[in-house]
C-alpha atoms as a PDB file:
ATOM      1  CA  MET A   1     -16.473 -39.584 -21.930  1.00  0.00           C
ATOM      2  CA  GLY A   2     -15.109 -37.214 -19.318  1.00  0.00           C
ATOM      3  CA  CYS A   3     -17.659 -35.293 -17.235  1.00  0.00           C
ATOM      4  CA  LEU A   4     -16.838 -31.854 -15.872  1.00  0.00           C
ATOM      5  CA  LYS A   5     -19.145 -30.313 -13.284  1.00  0.00           C
ATOM      6  CA  VAL A   6     -19.209 -26.529 -13.484  1.00  0.00           C
ATOM      7  CA  SER A   7     -20.498 -24.175 -10.800  1.00  0.00           C
ATOM      8  CA  SER A   8     -21.155 -20.446 -10.848  1.00  0.00           C
ATOM      9  CA  LYS A   9     -17.788 -19.999  -9.106  1.00  0.00           C
ATOM     10  CA  SER A  10     -15.797 -22.085 -11.608  1.00  0.00           C
ATOM     11  CA  SER A  11     -13.069 -20.280 -13.517  1.00  0.00           C
ATOM     12  CA  PRO A  12     -14.003 -20.341 -17.225  1.00  0.00           C
ATOM     13  CA  ALA A  13     -10.327 -20.286 -18.234  1.00  0.00           C
ATOM     14  CA  SER A  14      -9.529 -23.302 -16.044  1.00  0.00           C
ATOM     15  CA  VAL A  15     -12.523 -25.253 -17.345  1.00  0.00           C
ATOM     16  CA  ALA A  16     -11.553 -24.265 -20.908  1.00  0.00           C
ATOM     17  CA  GLY A  17      -8.061 -25.659 -20.342  1.00  0.00           C
ATOM     18  CA  ALA A  18      -9.538 -28.941 -19.138  1.00  0.00           C
ATOM     19  CA  ILE A  19     -11.861 -29.102 -22.150  1.00  0.00           C
ATOM     20  CA  ALA A  20      -9.039 -28.362 -24.596  1.00  0.00           C
ATOM     21  CA  GLY A  21      -6.739 -30.929 -22.991  1.00  0.00           C
ATOM     22  CA  MET A  22      -9.347 -33.664 -23.111  1.00  0.00           C
ATOM     23  CA  ILE A  23     -10.315 -32.885 -26.718  1.00  0.00           C
ATOM     24  CA  LYS A  24      -6.624 -32.942 -27.735  1.00  0.00           C
ATOM     25  CA  ASP A  25      -6.348 -36.370 -26.078  1.00  0.00           C
ATOM     26  CA  GLY A  26      -9.313 -37.600 -28.126  1.00  0.00           C
ATOM     27  CA  VAL A  27     -11.725 -37.712 -25.187  1.00  0.00           C
ATOM     28  CA  ALA A  28     -15.241 -36.393 -25.713  1.00  0.00           C
ATOM     29  CA  VAL A  29     -16.245 -34.038 -22.903  1.00  0.00           C
ATOM     30  CA  GLU A  30     -19.558 -33.660 -21.117  1.00  0.00           C
ATOM     31  CA  ILE A  31     -20.071 -30.533 -19.035  1.00  0.00           C
ATOM     32  CA  GLN A  32     -22.815 -30.418 -16.412  1.00  0.00           C
ATOM     33  CA  ALA A  33     -24.182 -27.186 -14.957  1.00  0.00           C
ATOM     34  CA  VAL A  34     -27.058 -26.474 -12.567  1.00  0.00           C
ATOM     35  CA  GLY A  35     -28.360 -22.913 -12.404  1.00  0.00           C
ATOM     36  CA  ALA A  36     -28.020 -19.832 -14.551  1.00  0.00           C
ATOM     37  CA  GLY A  37     -24.623 -18.801 -13.168  1.00  0.00           C
ATOM     38  CA  ALA A  38     -23.142 -22.238 -13.745  1.00  0.00           C
ATOM     39  CA  VAL A  39     -24.529 -22.404 -17.284  1.00  0.00           C
ATOM     40  CA  ASN A  40     -23.024 -18.964 -17.963  1.00  0.00           C
ATOM     41  CA  GLN A  41     -19.578 -20.108 -16.801  1.00  0.00           C
ATOM     42  CA  ALA A  42     -19.862 -23.326 -18.835  1.00  0.00           C
ATOM     43  CA  VAL A  43     -20.733 -21.474 -22.047  1.00  0.00           C
ATOM     44  CA  LYS A  44     -17.852 -19.045 -21.506  1.00  0.00           C
ATOM     45  CA  ALA A  45     -15.501 -21.995 -20.968  1.00  0.00           C
ATOM     46  CA  ILE A  46     -16.640 -23.637 -24.216  1.00  0.00           C
ATOM     47  CA  ALA A  47     -16.038 -20.393 -26.125  1.00  0.00           C
ATOM     48  CA  ILE A  48     -12.588 -19.961 -24.572  1.00  0.00           C
ATOM     49  CA  SER A  49     -11.653 -23.582 -25.322  1.00  0.00           C
ATOM     50  CA  ARG A  50     -12.564 -23.002 -28.967  1.00  0.00           C
ATOM     51  CA  GLY A  51     -10.036 -20.171 -28.958  1.00  0.00           C
ATOM     52  CA  PHE A  52      -7.401 -22.590 -27.599  1.00  0.00           C
ATOM     53  CA  LEU A  53      -8.176 -25.316 -30.151  1.00  0.00           C
ATOM     54  CA  SER A  54      -8.885 -23.419 -33.386  1.00  0.00           C
ATOM     55  CA  PRO A  55      -5.290 -22.246 -33.940  1.00  0.00           C
ATOM     56  CA  ILE A  56      -4.107 -25.872 -33.891  1.00  0.00           C
ATOM     57  CA  GLY A  57      -6.736 -26.932 -36.409  1.00  0.00           C
ATOM     58  CA  ILE A  58      -9.330 -28.461 -34.089  1.00  0.00           C
ATOM     59  CA  GLU A  59     -12.898 -27.185 -34.343  1.00  0.00           C
ATOM     60  CA  ILE A  60     -15.434 -28.236 -31.730  1.00  0.00           C
ATOM     61  CA  MET A  61     -19.185 -28.586 -31.607  1.00  0.00           C
ATOM     62  CA  CYS A  62     -21.454 -28.439 -28.604  1.00  0.00           C
ATOM     63  CA  VAL A  63     -24.785 -30.204 -28.142  1.00  0.00           C
ATOM     64  CA  PRO A  64     -26.879 -29.080 -25.143  1.00  0.00           C
ATOM     65  CA  SER A  65     -29.396 -31.314 -23.356  1.00  0.00           C
ATOM     66  CA  PHE A  66     -31.344 -31.515 -20.107  1.00  0.00           C
ATOM     67  CA  ALA A  67     -30.642 -34.038 -17.359  1.00  0.00           C
ATOM     68  CA  ASP A  68     -32.585 -34.809 -14.202  1.00  0.00           C
ATOM     69  CA  ILE A  69     -30.174 -35.262 -11.310  1.00  0.00           C
ATOM     70  CA  VAL A  70     -30.384 -35.626  -7.523  1.00  0.00           C
ATOM     71  CA  ILE A  71     -28.498 -33.196  -5.292  1.00  0.00           C
ATOM     72  CA  ASP A  72     -28.831 -33.616  -1.509  1.00  0.00           C
ATOM     73  CA  GLY A  73     -31.963 -35.722  -2.000  1.00  0.00           C
ATOM     74  CA  GLU A  74     -33.640 -33.125  -4.232  1.00  0.00           C
ATOM     75  CA  TYR A  75     -34.356 -33.543  -7.916  1.00  0.00           C
ATOM     76  CA  ARG A  76     -32.840 -30.781 -10.026  1.00  0.00           C
ATOM     77  CA  THR A  77     -32.611 -30.116 -13.739  1.00  0.00           C
ATOM     78  CA  ALA A  78     -29.099 -29.754 -15.100  1.00  0.00           C
ATOM     79  CA  ILE A  79     -27.944 -28.562 -18.485  1.00  0.00           C
ATOM     80  CA  ARG A  80     -25.390 -30.857 -20.094  1.00  0.00           C
ATOM     81  CA  PHE A  81     -23.138 -29.840 -22.946  1.00  0.00           C
ATOM     82  CA  ALA A  82     -21.560 -32.584 -25.041  1.00  0.00           C
ATOM     83  CA  VAL A  83     -18.392 -31.105 -26.559  1.00  0.00           C
ATOM     84  CA  GLU A  84     -16.725 -33.037 -29.364  1.00  0.00           C
ATOM     85  CA  PRO A  85     -14.367 -32.393 -32.262  1.00  0.00           C
ATOM     86  CA  ARG A  86     -16.240 -31.240 -35.357  1.00  0.00           C
ATOM     87  CA  TYR A  87     -15.501 -32.983 -38.605  1.00  0.00           C
ATOM     88  CA  LEU A  88     -16.570 -31.205 -41.771  1.00  0.00           C
ATOM     89  CA  ARG A  89     -17.831 -33.031 -44.858  1.00  0.00           C
ATOM     90  CA  GLY A  90     -17.021 -36.431 -43.381  1.00  0.00           C
ATOM     91  CA  THR A  91     -13.260 -35.858 -43.181  1.00  0.00           C
ATOM     92  CA  ALA A  92     -11.261 -36.803 -40.141  1.00  0.00           C
ATOM     93  CA  ASP A  93      -9.084 -33.677 -40.356  1.00  0.00           C
ATOM     94  CA  GLY A  94     -11.971 -31.229 -40.802  1.00  0.00           C
ATOM     95  CA  GLY A  95     -10.458 -29.795 -43.976  1.00  0.00           C
ATOM     96  CA  GLU A  96     -12.467 -28.393 -46.846  1.00  0.00           C
ATOM     97  CA  THR A  97     -11.651 -27.922 -50.486  1.00  0.00           C
ATOM     98  CA  ARG A  98     -12.104 -24.313 -51.551  1.00  0.00           C
ATOM     99  CA  SER A  99     -11.863 -22.882 -55.009  1.00  0.00           C
END
């Protein structure tokens, strides 16, 4: 699983490109953000990456969680987002039958 660390100064479009590239390569992505600004940029990047992937038939899902990490000797709480391809109804291609 690839881990991307996002800060409040990260470019959402650049992070989105990294997410989309990794998902296309079949690599699950974990995004880590500390602080409100970083979480904001991470969520924007996930939304933008969905826009990159949807037209080529890849839907993604995102599962948030908390993580306790150490930065410069201090314990901080990070938000982690696990981003993975979303498969509907147990199919590998995500397709649905509609009538």
